[in-house]
Amino acid sequence: MKVTDKITITNEDNMQLMSRYEDNHFDLAIVDPPYGIKRDGQEETFTKNRKHKRKHHKQKQWDSARPNKKYFDQLKRISKHQIIWGANYFVEFLNDSTMGWIFWYKGQQGLSMSDGEIAYTSFQKATRQININRGYIAKNGGSIHPTQKPVKLYEWLLMNYAKEGNKILDTHLGSGSIAIACHNRGFELTACELDKEYYEASIKRINQQIAQQRLF
């Protein structure tokens, strides 16, 4: 689906999407694959008794397993550079690198949740830390996905790791935060989301954000 003239989002498996593109077609892939730690939602009983303020999301089982080597091989084939969230869960699939890592500090989250997340990058740059409180998610339409990241975080990635005119790829769209960031910063994005419910919710969220911007 063509959301804007620069943003294309499909409801399909990421391996199917990637198979259509030639080597190095995309300048930068920014992806947030399942970590395989079963954080795809919460049991209703856990949600009712929770001690944190996270919104309830029903369990869908998509975080029950990590992507395999074939996924990462395809990702590196069709993109010149990669930024991969949850890289500590995929170390064996990544190129050896002691540089370019990113730590997102999202504020103290309590004992049940991590205070931050780690991303691998293929760039030979100094390791960076970005401080954006997870509560910032509420500023862009609220939470529609259990592992949603702030639009502001993706804007920071684009400003620091992408160049004007770059083609961006996302193989796990989720909430659509990256699409809003790409629209805000003028980047071309190709993305896919396998889950139809998340796909439709993200399209709705993206369109609402774009429409809201046009009013001001």
N, C-alpha and C. Protein backbone atom coordinates (compact mmCIF):
# COMPACT_ATOMS: atom_id res chain seq x y z
N MET A 1 0.84 -1.20 0.00
CA MET A 1 0.00 0.00 0.00
C MET A 1 0.88 1.25 0.00
N LYS A 2 0.56 2.16 -0.88
CA LYS A 2 1.29 3.42 -0.97
C LYS A 2 0.63 4.41 0.01
N VAL A 3 1.28 4.66 1.13
CA VAL A 3 0.72 5.56 2.14
C VAL A 3 0.93 7.01 1.73
N THR A 4 2.12 7.31 1.28
CA THR A 4 2.45 8.62 0.68
C THR A 4 3.30 8.32 -0.54
N ASP A 5 3.75 9.36 -1.23
CA ASP A 5 4.59 9.13 -2.41
C ASP A 5 5.94 8.54 -2.04
N LYS A 6 6.32 8.60 -0.75
CA LYS A 6 7.62 8.07 -0.32
C LYS A 6 7.52 6.88 0.64
N ILE A 7 6.33 6.54 1.08
CA ILE A 7 6.17 5.48 2.08
C ILE A 7 5.28 4.37 1.54
N THR A 8 5.85 3.17 1.43
CA THR A 8 5.12 2.01 0.95
C THR A 8 5.15 0.93 2.03
N ILE A 9 3.98 0.44 2.42
CA ILE A 9 3.88 -0.55 3.48
C ILE A 9 3.00 -1.70 2.99
N THR A 10 3.48 -2.93 3.19
CA THR A 10 2.73 -4.11 2.77
C THR A 10 2.45 -5.02 3.94
N ASN A 11 1.38 -5.81 3.80
CA ASN A 11 0.99 -6.79 4.81
C ASN A 11 1.46 -8.16 4.31
N GLU A 12 2.70 -8.51 4.64
CA GLU A 12 3.29 -9.75 4.13
C GLU A 12 4.48 -10.18 4.97
N ASP A 13 4.94 -11.40 4.72
CA ASP A 13 6.13 -11.92 5.38
C ASP A 13 7.36 -11.18 4.88
N ASN A 14 8.28 -10.87 5.78
CA ASN A 14 9.45 -10.07 5.39
C ASN A 14 10.36 -10.81 4.40
N MET A 15 10.42 -12.14 4.47
CA MET A 15 11.26 -12.88 3.53
C MET A 15 10.70 -12.74 2.11
N GLN A 16 9.40 -12.70 2.00
CA GLN A 16 8.77 -12.50 0.69
C GLN A 16 9.10 -11.12 0.15
N LEU A 17 9.02 -10.11 1.01
CA LEU A 17 9.36 -8.75 0.59
C LEU A 17 10.82 -8.66 0.14
N MET A 18 11.72 -9.18 0.97
CA MET A 18 13.15 -9.03 0.66
C MET A 18 13.57 -9.77 -0.59
N SER A 19 12.88 -10.86 -0.91
CA SER A 19 13.22 -11.65 -2.09
C SER A 19 13.03 -10.87 -3.40
N ARG A 20 12.24 -9.82 -3.36
CA ARG A 20 11.95 -9.06 -4.58
C ARG A 20 13.03 -8.04 -4.93
N TYR A 21 13.98 -7.81 -4.04
CA TYR A 21 14.94 -6.73 -4.25
C TYR A 21 16.34 -7.25 -4.55
N GLU A 22 17.03 -6.49 -5.38
CA GLU A 22 18.40 -6.85 -5.74
C GLU A 22 19.37 -6.46 -4.64
N ASP A 23 20.59 -6.90 -4.77
CA ASP A 23 21.63 -6.62 -3.78
C ASP A 23 21.80 -5.11 -3.58
N ASN A 24 21.93 -4.70 -2.32
CA ASN A 24 22.21 -3.30 -1.95
C ASN A 24 21.16 -2.32 -2.45
N HIS A 25 19.94 -2.77 -2.61
CA HIS A 25 18.88 -1.86 -3.09
C HIS A 25 18.60 -0.74 -2.09
N PHE A 26 18.63 -1.08 -0.80
CA PHE A 26 18.34 -0.09 0.24
C PHE A 26 19.65 0.44 0.84
N ASP A 27 19.63 1.72 1.17
CA ASP A 27 20.81 2.33 1.78
C ASP A 27 20.93 1.96 3.24
N LEU A 28 19.79 1.87 3.92
CA LEU A 28 19.82 1.59 5.36
C LEU A 28 18.59 0.81 5.78
N ALA A 29 18.81 -0.30 6.47
CA ALA A 29 17.72 -1.07 7.08
C ALA A 29 17.72 -0.76 8.57
N ILE A 30 16.56 -0.34 9.07
CA ILE A 30 16.39 -0.11 10.51
C ILE A 30 15.30 -1.07 10.95
N VAL A 31 15.68 -2.10 11.72
CA VAL A 31 14.73 -3.17 12.02
C VAL A 31 14.68 -3.47 13.52
N ASP A 32 13.55 -3.99 13.92
CA ASP A 32 13.31 -4.35 15.32
C ASP A 32 12.64 -5.73 15.34
N PRO A 33 13.43 -6.80 15.09
CA PRO A 33 12.85 -8.14 14.99
C PRO A 33 12.39 -8.67 16.35
N PRO A 34 11.60 -9.73 16.37
CA PRO A 34 11.25 -10.37 17.64
C PRO A 34 12.51 -10.86 18.35
N TYR A 35 12.56 -10.67 19.65
CA TYR A 35 13.74 -11.07 20.42
C TYR A 35 13.63 -12.51 20.91
N GLY A 36 12.45 -13.11 20.79
CA GLY A 36 12.26 -14.47 21.27
C GLY A 36 12.15 -14.57 22.78
N ILE A 37 11.66 -13.48 23.43
CA ILE A 37 11.57 -13.47 24.90
C ILE A 37 10.11 -13.39 25.38
N LYS A 38 9.19 -13.64 24.43
CA LYS A 38 7.76 -13.72 24.75
C LYS A 38 7.21 -12.42 25.34
N ARG A 39 7.62 -11.28 24.76
CA ARG A 39 7.08 -9.98 25.16
C ARG A 39 6.09 -9.45 24.13
N ASP A 40 5.26 -10.34 23.59
CA ASP A 40 4.31 -9.94 22.57
C ASP A 40 2.97 -9.53 23.16
N GLY A 41 2.90 -9.42 24.48
CA GLY A 41 1.66 -9.05 25.15
C GLY A 41 1.70 -9.55 26.58
N GLN A 42 0.58 -9.44 27.28
CA GLN A 42 0.51 -9.91 28.66
C GLN A 42 -0.76 -10.71 28.87
N GLU A 43 -0.65 -11.68 29.77
CA GLU A 43 -1.85 -12.39 30.18
C GLU A 43 -2.79 -11.41 30.88
N GLU A 44 -4.09 -11.58 30.72
CA GLU A 44 -5.05 -10.66 31.31
C GLU A 44 -4.90 -10.57 32.82
N THR A 45 -4.64 -11.71 33.48
CA THR A 45 -4.50 -11.70 34.94
C THR A 45 -3.27 -10.90 35.36
N PHE A 46 -2.19 -11.02 34.56
CA PHE A 46 -0.99 -10.26 34.87
C PHE A 46 -1.24 -8.77 34.69
N THR A 47 -1.98 -8.42 33.65
CA THR A 47 -2.25 -7.02 33.35
C THR A 47 -3.06 -6.36 34.46
N LYS A 48 -4.07 -7.07 34.97
CA LYS A 48 -4.92 -6.51 36.00
C LYS A 48 -4.16 -6.28 37.30
N ASN A 49 -3.12 -7.10 37.54
CA ASN A 49 -2.38 -7.01 38.79
C ASN A 49 -1.01 -6.37 38.62
N ARG A 50 -0.77 -5.77 37.46
CA ARG A 50 0.56 -5.25 37.18
C ARG A 50 0.91 -4.06 38.08
N LYS A 51 2.22 -3.88 38.30
CA LYS A 51 2.70 -2.77 39.09
C LYS A 51 3.35 -1.70 38.24
N HIS A 52 3.25 -1.88 36.93
CA HIS A 52 3.78 -0.86 36.02
C HIS A 52 2.61 -0.22 35.28
N LYS A 53 2.91 0.78 34.45
CA LYS A 53 1.85 1.55 33.80
C LYS A 53 1.73 1.23 32.31
N ARG A 54 2.31 0.13 31.87
CA ARG A 54 2.22 -0.22 30.47
C ARG A 54 0.80 -0.62 30.10
N LYS A 55 0.40 -0.21 28.91
CA LYS A 55 -0.91 -0.57 28.39
C LYS A 55 -0.99 -2.07 28.13
N HIS A 56 -2.16 -2.64 28.36
CA HIS A 56 -2.35 -4.06 28.08
C HIS A 56 -2.39 -4.32 26.58
N HIS A 57 -1.65 -5.34 26.13
CA HIS A 57 -1.71 -5.81 24.75
C HIS A 57 -1.91 -7.31 24.79
N LYS A 58 -2.87 -7.82 24.06
CA LYS A 58 -3.12 -9.26 24.09
C LYS A 58 -1.96 -10.03 23.48
N GLN A 59 -1.75 -11.21 24.00
CA GLN A 59 -0.67 -12.06 23.51
C GLN A 59 -0.98 -12.59 22.12
N LYS A 60 0.05 -12.56 21.24
CA LYS A 60 -0.14 -13.01 19.86
C LYS A 60 0.89 -14.06 19.44
N GLN A 61 1.85 -14.34 20.31
CA GLN A 61 2.87 -15.38 20.08
C GLN A 61 3.93 -15.03 19.04
N TRP A 62 3.94 -13.79 18.51
CA TRP A 62 4.94 -13.48 17.50
C TRP A 62 6.36 -13.35 18.08
N ASP A 63 6.46 -13.20 19.41
CA ASP A 63 7.78 -13.07 20.02
C ASP A 63 8.24 -14.38 20.64
N SER A 64 7.72 -15.49 20.17
CA SER A 64 8.09 -16.80 20.72
C SER A 64 9.40 -17.33 20.14
N ALA A 65 9.86 -16.75 19.03
CA ALA A 65 11.10 -17.21 18.40
C ALA A 65 11.79 -16.06 17.69
N ARG A 66 13.11 -16.17 17.57
CA ARG A 66 13.90 -15.16 16.87
C ARG A 66 13.96 -15.46 15.37
N PRO A 67 14.26 -14.46 14.55
CA PRO A 67 14.53 -14.74 13.13
C PRO A 67 15.78 -15.63 13.01
N ASN A 68 15.85 -16.40 11.93
CA ASN A 68 17.00 -17.28 11.75
C ASN A 68 18.07 -16.63 10.88
N LYS A 69 19.12 -17.38 10.61
CA LYS A 69 20.24 -16.88 9.84
C LYS A 69 19.82 -16.43 8.43
N LYS A 70 18.86 -17.13 7.83
CA LYS A 70 18.42 -16.76 6.49
C LYS A 70 17.87 -15.34 6.45
N TYR A 71 17.15 -14.97 7.51
CA TYR A 71 16.62 -13.60 7.57
C TYR A 71 17.75 -12.58 7.56
N PHE A 72 18.75 -12.78 8.43
CA PHE A 72 19.84 -11.81 8.52
C PHE A 72 20.70 -11.80 7.26
N ASP A 73 20.87 -12.94 6.63
CA ASP A 73 21.61 -12.99 5.36
C ASP A 73 20.89 -12.16 4.29
N GLN A 74 19.58 -12.30 4.21
CA GLN A 74 18.81 -11.53 3.24
C GLN A 74 18.85 -10.03 3.56
N LEU A 75 18.72 -9.72 4.84
CA LEU A 75 18.74 -8.32 5.26
C LEU A 75 20.05 -7.65 4.84
N LYS A 76 21.16 -8.33 5.09
CA LYS A 76 22.47 -7.77 4.74
C LYS A 76 22.72 -7.78 3.23
N ARG A 77 22.04 -8.66 2.53
CA ARG A 77 22.17 -8.70 1.07
C ARG A 77 21.55 -7.49 0.40
N ILE A 78 20.35 -7.11 0.85
CA ILE A 78 19.62 -6.05 0.13
C ILE A 78 19.83 -4.66 0.73
N SER A 79 20.59 -4.54 1.81
CA SER A 79 20.83 -3.21 2.40
C SER A 79 22.33 -2.98 2.60
N LYS A 80 22.75 -1.77 2.34
CA LYS A 80 24.16 -1.42 2.47
C LYS A 80 24.58 -1.30 3.93
N HIS A 81 23.67 -0.80 4.76
CA HIS A 81 23.93 -0.66 6.19
C HIS A 81 22.71 -1.12 6.97
N GLN A 82 22.93 -1.51 8.21
CA GLN A 82 21.85 -2.00 9.05
C GLN A 82 21.95 -1.41 10.47
N ILE A 83 20.78 -1.15 11.05
CA ILE A 83 20.64 -0.87 12.47
C ILE A 83 19.64 -1.89 12.98
N ILE A 84 20.07 -2.72 13.93
CA ILE A 84 19.25 -3.85 14.37
C ILE A 84 19.03 -3.77 15.87
N TRP A 85 17.79 -3.50 16.27
CA TRP A 85 17.45 -3.45 17.70
C TRP A 85 17.44 -4.86 18.29
N GLY A 86 17.75 -4.93 19.58
CA GLY A 86 17.80 -6.22 20.27
C GLY A 86 19.00 -7.04 19.86
N ALA A 87 20.07 -6.36 19.45
CA ALA A 87 21.24 -7.04 18.89
C ALA A 87 21.87 -8.04 19.87
N ASN A 88 21.70 -7.83 21.16
CA ASN A 88 22.26 -8.76 22.14
C ASN A 88 21.62 -10.14 22.05
N TYR A 89 20.46 -10.24 21.38
CA TYR A 89 19.80 -11.53 21.20
C TYR A 89 20.20 -12.20 19.89
N PHE A 90 20.95 -11.49 19.03
CA PHE A 90 21.26 -12.01 17.70
C PHE A 90 22.76 -12.00 17.41
N VAL A 91 23.59 -12.01 18.42
CA VAL A 91 25.03 -11.81 18.25
C VAL A 91 25.63 -12.75 17.21
N GLU A 92 25.20 -14.01 17.21
CA GLU A 92 25.81 -14.99 16.30
C GLU A 92 25.49 -14.72 14.84
N PHE A 93 24.50 -13.87 14.56
CA PHE A 93 24.12 -13.58 13.18
C PHE A 93 24.71 -12.27 12.66
N LEU A 94 25.40 -11.53 13.49
CA LEU A 94 25.88 -10.20 13.13
C LEU A 94 27.36 -10.24 12.77
N ASN A 95 27.78 -9.27 11.99
CA ASN A 95 29.20 -9.14 11.67
C ASN A 95 29.97 -8.73 12.91
N ASP A 96 31.20 -9.21 13.03
CA ASP A 96 32.03 -8.82 14.17
C ASP A 96 32.24 -7.31 14.13
N SER A 97 31.90 -6.66 15.22
CA SER A 97 32.06 -5.21 15.28
C SER A 97 32.16 -4.76 16.73
N THR A 98 33.14 -3.94 17.01
CA THR A 98 33.27 -3.37 18.35
C THR A 98 32.91 -1.89 18.34
N MET A 99 32.42 -1.41 17.21
CA MET A 99 32.07 0.00 17.08
C MET A 99 30.64 0.14 16.59
N GLY A 100 30.11 1.35 16.74
CA GLY A 100 28.84 1.69 16.13
C GLY A 100 27.60 1.28 16.88
N TRP A 101 27.73 0.68 18.06
CA TRP A 101 26.56 0.24 18.80
C TRP A 101 25.81 1.43 19.40
N ILE A 102 24.52 1.23 19.66
CA ILE A 102 23.66 2.28 20.21
C ILE A 102 22.97 1.75 21.46
N PHE A 103 22.94 2.57 22.50
CA PHE A 103 22.17 2.22 23.69
C PHE A 103 21.08 3.26 23.88
N TRP A 104 19.83 2.80 23.82
CA TRP A 104 18.69 3.68 24.08
C TRP A 104 18.32 3.57 25.55
N TYR A 105 18.56 4.66 26.29
CA TYR A 105 18.16 4.70 27.69
C TYR A 105 16.76 5.28 27.75
N LYS A 106 15.81 4.48 28.23
CA LYS A 106 14.41 4.90 28.22
C LYS A 106 13.88 5.26 29.60
N GLY A 107 14.79 5.50 30.54
CA GLY A 107 14.38 5.87 31.89
C GLY A 107 14.26 4.65 32.77
N GLN A 108 14.29 4.85 34.06
CA GLN A 108 14.18 3.74 34.99
C GLN A 108 12.80 3.11 34.87
N GLN A 109 12.77 1.82 34.58
CA GLN A 109 11.53 1.12 34.28
C GLN A 109 11.07 0.19 35.40
N GLY A 110 11.84 0.06 36.46
CA GLY A 110 11.47 -0.88 37.52
C GLY A 110 12.12 -2.23 37.29
N LEU A 111 11.93 -3.13 38.23
CA LEU A 111 12.63 -4.41 38.20
C LEU A 111 12.14 -5.34 37.09
N SER A 112 10.90 -5.17 36.62
CA SER A 112 10.35 -6.11 35.64
C SER A 112 10.68 -5.75 34.20
N MET A 113 11.24 -4.58 33.96
CA MET A 113 11.54 -4.15 32.59
C MET A 113 12.93 -3.54 32.52
N SER A 114 13.58 -3.69 31.37
CA SER A 114 14.92 -3.13 31.18
C SER A 114 14.86 -1.61 31.09
N ASP A 115 15.92 -0.96 31.56
CA ASP A 115 16.01 0.49 31.49
C ASP A 115 16.44 0.98 30.11
N GLY A 116 16.81 0.05 29.24
CA GLY A 116 17.25 0.45 27.91
C GLY A 116 17.32 -0.72 26.96
N GLU A 117 17.62 -0.43 25.70
CA GLU A 117 17.77 -1.45 24.68
C GLU A 117 19.01 -1.16 23.85
N ILE A 118 19.56 -2.23 23.27
CA ILE A 118 20.81 -2.14 22.52
C ILE A 118 20.55 -2.39 21.04
N ALA A 119 21.20 -1.59 20.20
CA ALA A 119 21.11 -1.80 18.75
C ALA A 119 22.51 -1.95 18.16
N TYR A 120 22.65 -2.91 17.27
CA TYR A 120 23.86 -3.06 16.47
C TYR A 120 23.76 -2.15 15.26
N THR A 121 24.86 -1.58 14.84
CA THR A 121 24.90 -0.90 13.55
C THR A 121 26.11 -1.38 12.77
N SER A 122 26.03 -1.31 11.46
CA SER A 122 27.14 -1.70 10.60
C SER A 122 28.10 -0.54 10.36
N PHE A 123 27.83 0.60 10.99
CA PHE A 123 28.68 1.79 10.81
C PHE A 123 29.91 1.73 11.72
N GLN A 124 31.02 2.12 11.19
CA GLN A 124 32.25 2.21 12.00
C GLN A 124 32.30 3.57 12.67
N LYS A 125 31.44 3.72 13.66
CA LYS A 125 31.34 4.97 14.40
C LYS A 125 31.46 4.67 15.89
N ALA A 126 31.65 5.71 16.66
CA ALA A 126 31.71 5.55 18.11
C ALA A 126 30.35 5.07 18.64
N THR A 127 30.38 4.30 19.70
CA THR A 127 29.15 3.87 20.37
C THR A 127 28.44 5.09 20.94
N ARG A 128 27.12 5.14 20.79
CA ARG A 128 26.34 6.29 21.24
C ARG A 128 25.21 5.88 22.19
N GLN A 129 24.87 6.79 23.09
CA GLN A 129 23.70 6.61 23.95
C GLN A 129 22.71 7.72 23.65
N ILE A 130 21.44 7.34 23.52
CA ILE A 130 20.38 8.31 23.31
C ILE A 130 19.38 8.18 24.45
N ASN A 131 19.06 9.30 25.08
CA ASN A 131 18.15 9.30 26.22
C ASN A 131 16.78 9.84 25.80
N ILE A 132 15.81 8.96 25.70
CA ILE A 132 14.43 9.34 25.38
C ILE A 132 13.52 8.49 26.25
N ASN A 133 12.81 9.12 27.14
CA ASN A 133 11.93 8.37 28.04
C ASN A 133 10.86 7.64 27.25
N ARG A 134 10.59 6.40 27.63
CA ARG A 134 9.59 5.60 26.93
C ARG A 134 8.21 6.25 26.97
N GLY A 135 7.97 7.08 27.97
CA GLY A 135 6.70 7.77 28.07
C GLY A 135 6.42 8.70 26.90
N TYR A 136 7.46 9.00 26.11
CA TYR A 136 7.30 9.86 24.94
C TYR A 136 6.37 9.24 23.91
N ILE A 137 6.16 7.92 23.99
CA ILE A 137 5.27 7.24 23.05
C ILE A 137 3.88 7.88 23.06
N ALA A 138 3.46 8.35 24.22
CA ALA A 138 2.12 8.94 24.36
C ALA A 138 1.93 10.19 23.51
N LYS A 139 3.02 10.81 23.08
CA LYS A 139 2.93 12.06 22.31
C LYS A 139 2.58 11.83 20.84
N ASN A 140 2.63 10.59 20.38
CA ASN A 140 2.37 10.32 18.96
C ASN A 140 1.32 9.23 18.79
N GLY A 141 0.16 9.44 19.38
CA GLY A 141 -0.95 8.53 19.17
C GLY A 141 -1.08 7.41 20.17
N GLY A 142 -0.23 7.38 21.17
CA GLY A 142 -0.34 6.35 22.19
C GLY A 142 0.24 5.01 21.75
N SER A 143 0.12 4.02 22.61
CA SER A 143 0.71 2.71 22.36
C SER A 143 -0.27 1.77 21.67
N ILE A 144 0.12 1.26 20.51
CA ILE A 144 -0.70 0.28 19.80
C ILE A 144 0.03 -1.05 19.66
N HIS A 145 1.26 -1.14 20.19
CA HIS A 145 2.09 -2.33 20.04
C HIS A 145 2.92 -2.51 21.31
N PRO A 146 3.07 -3.74 21.81
CA PRO A 146 3.78 -3.95 23.09
C PRO A 146 5.25 -3.57 23.09
N THR A 147 5.91 -3.58 21.93
CA THR A 147 7.33 -3.21 21.88
C THR A 147 7.53 -1.91 21.10
N GLN A 148 6.53 -1.07 21.11
CA GLN A 148 6.57 0.20 20.36
C GLN A 148 7.71 1.10 20.84
N LYS A 149 8.35 1.76 19.87
CA LYS A 149 9.41 2.71 20.17
C LYS A 149 8.96 4.11 19.76
N PRO A 150 9.48 5.14 20.43
CA PRO A 150 9.05 6.51 20.12
C PRO A 150 9.46 6.97 18.73
N VAL A 151 8.63 7.77 18.10
CA VAL A 151 8.96 8.38 16.82
C VAL A 151 10.26 9.18 16.95
N LYS A 152 10.41 9.86 18.06
CA LYS A 152 11.60 10.69 18.30
C LYS A 152 12.88 9.87 18.23
N LEU A 153 12.83 8.61 18.67
CA LEU A 153 14.00 7.74 18.61
C LEU A 153 14.38 7.45 17.17
N TYR A 154 13.39 7.16 16.34
CA TYR A 154 13.67 6.89 14.93
C TYR A 154 14.13 8.15 14.20
N GLU A 155 13.61 9.30 14.58
CA GLU A 155 14.09 10.55 13.97
C GLU A 155 15.56 10.77 14.30
N TRP A 156 15.94 10.45 15.53
CA TRP A 156 17.35 10.59 15.93
C TRP A 156 18.24 9.65 15.10
N LEU A 157 17.77 8.42 14.87
CA LEU A 157 18.54 7.47 14.06
C LEU A 157 18.71 8.00 12.64
N LEU A 158 17.64 8.51 12.06
CA LEU A 158 17.71 9.03 10.69
C LEU A 158 18.64 10.23 10.59
N MET A 159 18.57 11.11 11.57
CA MET A 159 19.41 12.32 11.54
C MET A 159 20.89 11.99 11.70
N ASN A 160 21.19 10.91 12.42
CA ASN A 160 22.59 10.59 12.74
C ASN A 160 23.20 9.50 11.87
N TYR A 161 22.36 8.69 11.19
CA TYR A 161 22.91 7.56 10.43
C TYR A 161 22.46 7.50 8.98
N ALA A 162 21.48 8.30 8.59
CA ALA A 162 21.02 8.31 7.20
C ALA A 162 21.43 9.61 6.52
N LYS A 163 21.48 9.56 5.21
CA LYS A 163 21.80 10.74 4.42
C LYS A 163 20.61 11.10 3.53
N GLU A 164 20.54 12.34 3.16
CA GLU A 164 19.45 12.80 2.30
C GLU A 164 19.36 11.94 1.05
N GLY A 165 18.17 11.51 0.70
CA GLY A 165 17.97 10.68 -0.48
C GLY A 165 18.09 9.19 -0.24
N ASN A 166 18.47 8.78 0.97
CA ASN A 166 18.60 7.35 1.28
C ASN A 166 17.26 6.63 1.23
N LYS A 167 17.31 5.38 0.79
CA LYS A 167 16.15 4.49 0.81
C LYS A 167 16.21 3.66 2.09
N ILE A 168 15.14 3.70 2.89
CA ILE A 168 15.11 3.03 4.18
C ILE A 168 14.23 1.78 4.10
N LEU A 169 14.64 0.73 4.81
CA LEU A 169 13.88 -0.52 4.86
C LEU A 169 13.56 -0.86 6.31
N ASP A 170 12.33 -1.32 6.54
CA ASP A 170 11.95 -1.88 7.85
C ASP A 170 11.17 -3.17 7.60
N THR A 171 11.65 -4.27 8.16
CA THR A 171 11.02 -5.58 7.92
C THR A 171 10.02 -5.97 9.00
N HIS A 172 9.91 -5.17 10.05
CA HIS A 172 8.97 -5.45 11.15
C HIS A 172 8.35 -4.12 11.57
N LEU A 173 7.37 -3.66 10.83
CA LEU A 173 6.84 -2.31 11.03
C LEU A 173 6.24 -2.09 12.41
N GLY A 174 5.51 -3.10 12.93
CA GLY A 174 4.92 -2.96 14.26
C GLY A 174 3.94 -1.81 14.33
N SER A 175 4.27 -0.81 15.14
CA SER A 175 3.37 0.32 15.38
C SER A 175 3.44 1.40 14.31
N GLY A 176 4.46 1.37 13.46
CA GLY A 176 4.60 2.37 12.40
C GLY A 176 5.37 3.61 12.79
N SER A 177 6.04 3.59 13.95
CA SER A 177 6.80 4.77 14.39
C SER A 177 7.84 5.20 13.37
N ILE A 178 8.52 4.22 12.75
CA ILE A 178 9.56 4.57 11.78
C ILE A 178 8.96 5.26 10.56
N ALA A 179 7.74 4.89 10.18
CA ALA A 179 7.10 5.50 9.01
C ALA A 179 6.79 6.97 9.28
N ILE A 180 6.33 7.27 10.49
CA ILE A 180 6.05 8.66 10.85
C ILE A 180 7.35 9.46 10.86
N ALA A 181 8.41 8.86 11.40
CA ALA A 181 9.72 9.53 11.43
C ALA A 181 10.24 9.79 10.03
N CYS A 182 10.11 8.80 9.13
CA CYS A 182 10.57 8.97 7.75
C CYS A 182 9.77 10.06 7.05
N HIS A 183 8.48 10.10 7.29
CA HIS A 183 7.65 11.16 6.71
C HIS A 183 8.10 12.53 7.23
N ASN A 184 8.32 12.62 8.52
CA ASN A 184 8.72 13.90 9.12
C ASN A 184 10.06 14.39 8.58
N ARG A 185 10.95 13.44 8.27
CA ARG A 185 12.31 13.80 7.84
C ARG A 185 12.52 13.69 6.33
N GLY A 186 11.48 13.30 5.60
CA GLY A 186 11.55 13.29 4.14
C GLY A 186 12.26 12.11 3.53
N PHE A 187 12.28 10.97 4.23
CA PHE A 187 12.95 9.78 3.69
C PHE A 187 11.97 8.84 3.02
N GLU A 188 12.47 8.11 2.03
CA GLU A 188 11.69 7.07 1.37
C GLU A 188 11.77 5.79 2.20
N LEU A 189 10.62 5.18 2.47
CA LEU A 189 10.57 3.97 3.30
C LEU A 189 9.79 2.87 2.61
N THR A 190 10.35 1.67 2.66
CA THR A 190 9.64 0.45 2.28
C THR A 190 9.59 -0.43 3.52
N ALA A 191 8.39 -0.86 3.90
CA ALA A 191 8.24 -1.64 5.13
C ALA A 191 7.15 -2.68 4.98
N CYS A 192 7.19 -3.68 5.87
CA CYS A 192 6.13 -4.68 5.88
C CYS A 192 5.80 -5.07 7.31
N GLU A 193 4.60 -5.57 7.49
CA GLU A 193 4.12 -6.08 8.78
C GLU A 193 3.27 -7.31 8.51
N LEU A 194 3.61 -8.43 9.13
CA LEU A 194 2.93 -9.70 8.88
C LEU A 194 1.55 -9.76 9.53
N ASP A 195 1.44 -9.25 10.75
CA ASP A 195 0.18 -9.32 11.49
C ASP A 195 -0.81 -8.30 10.91
N LYS A 196 -1.96 -8.79 10.43
CA LYS A 196 -2.91 -7.90 9.77
C LYS A 196 -3.47 -6.84 10.71
N GLU A 197 -3.71 -7.22 11.97
CA GLU A 197 -4.26 -6.27 12.94
C GLU A 197 -3.29 -5.13 13.20
N TYR A 198 -2.01 -5.46 13.40
CA TYR A 198 -1.01 -4.41 13.60
C TYR A 198 -0.81 -3.59 12.33
N TYR A 199 -0.85 -4.27 11.18
CA TYR A 199 -0.70 -3.57 9.89
C TYR A 199 -1.78 -2.50 9.74
N GLU A 200 -3.02 -2.88 9.96
CA GLU A 200 -4.13 -1.94 9.80
C GLU A 200 -4.08 -0.82 10.85
N ALA A 201 -3.70 -1.18 12.08
CA ALA A 201 -3.60 -0.17 13.14
C ALA A 201 -2.48 0.83 12.85
N SER A 202 -1.37 0.34 12.32
CA SER A 202 -0.25 1.24 12.01
C SER A 202 -0.58 2.17 10.86
N ILE A 203 -1.26 1.64 9.83
CA ILE A 203 -1.67 2.48 8.69
C ILE A 203 -2.59 3.59 9.19
N LYS A 204 -3.54 3.23 10.05
CA LYS A 204 -4.46 4.22 10.61
C LYS A 204 -3.70 5.26 11.42
N ARG A 205 -2.76 4.82 12.24
CA ARG A 205 -1.97 5.75 13.06
C ARG A 205 -1.15 6.69 12.21
N ILE A 206 -0.49 6.16 11.19
CA ILE A 206 0.35 6.98 10.31
C ILE A 206 -0.49 8.03 9.60
N ASN A 207 -1.62 7.62 9.05
CA ASN A 207 -2.50 8.56 8.35
C ASN A 207 -3.03 9.64 9.29
N GLN A 208 -3.35 9.26 10.52
CA GLN A 208 -3.84 10.24 11.49
C GLN A 208 -2.76 11.26 11.83
N GLN A 209 -1.53 10.79 11.99
CA GLN A 209 -0.43 11.70 12.31
C GLN A 209 -0.14 12.66 11.17
N ILE A 210 -0.17 12.14 9.94
CA ILE A 210 0.07 12.99 8.77
C ILE A 210 -1.04 14.03 8.62
N ALA A 211 -2.29 13.58 8.80
CA ALA A 211 -3.43 14.51 8.70
C ALA A 211 -3.37 15.58 9.78
N GLN A 212 -2.96 15.20 10.96
CA GLN A 212 -2.87 16.15 12.07
C GLN A 212 -1.80 17.21 11.78
N GLN A 213 -0.69 16.79 11.17
CA GLN A 213 0.38 17.73 10.83
C GLN A 213 -0.09 18.75 9.81
N ARG A 214 -0.95 18.33 8.91
CA ARG A 214 -1.44 19.23 7.85
C ARG A 214 -2.32 20.34 8.40
N LEU A 215 -2.87 20.13 9.60
CA LEU A 215 -3.74 21.13 10.21
C LEU A 215 -2.96 22.29 10.82
N PHE A 216 -1.66 22.08 11.00
CA PHE A 216 -0.85 23.12 11.67
C PHE A 216 0.26 23.65 10.75
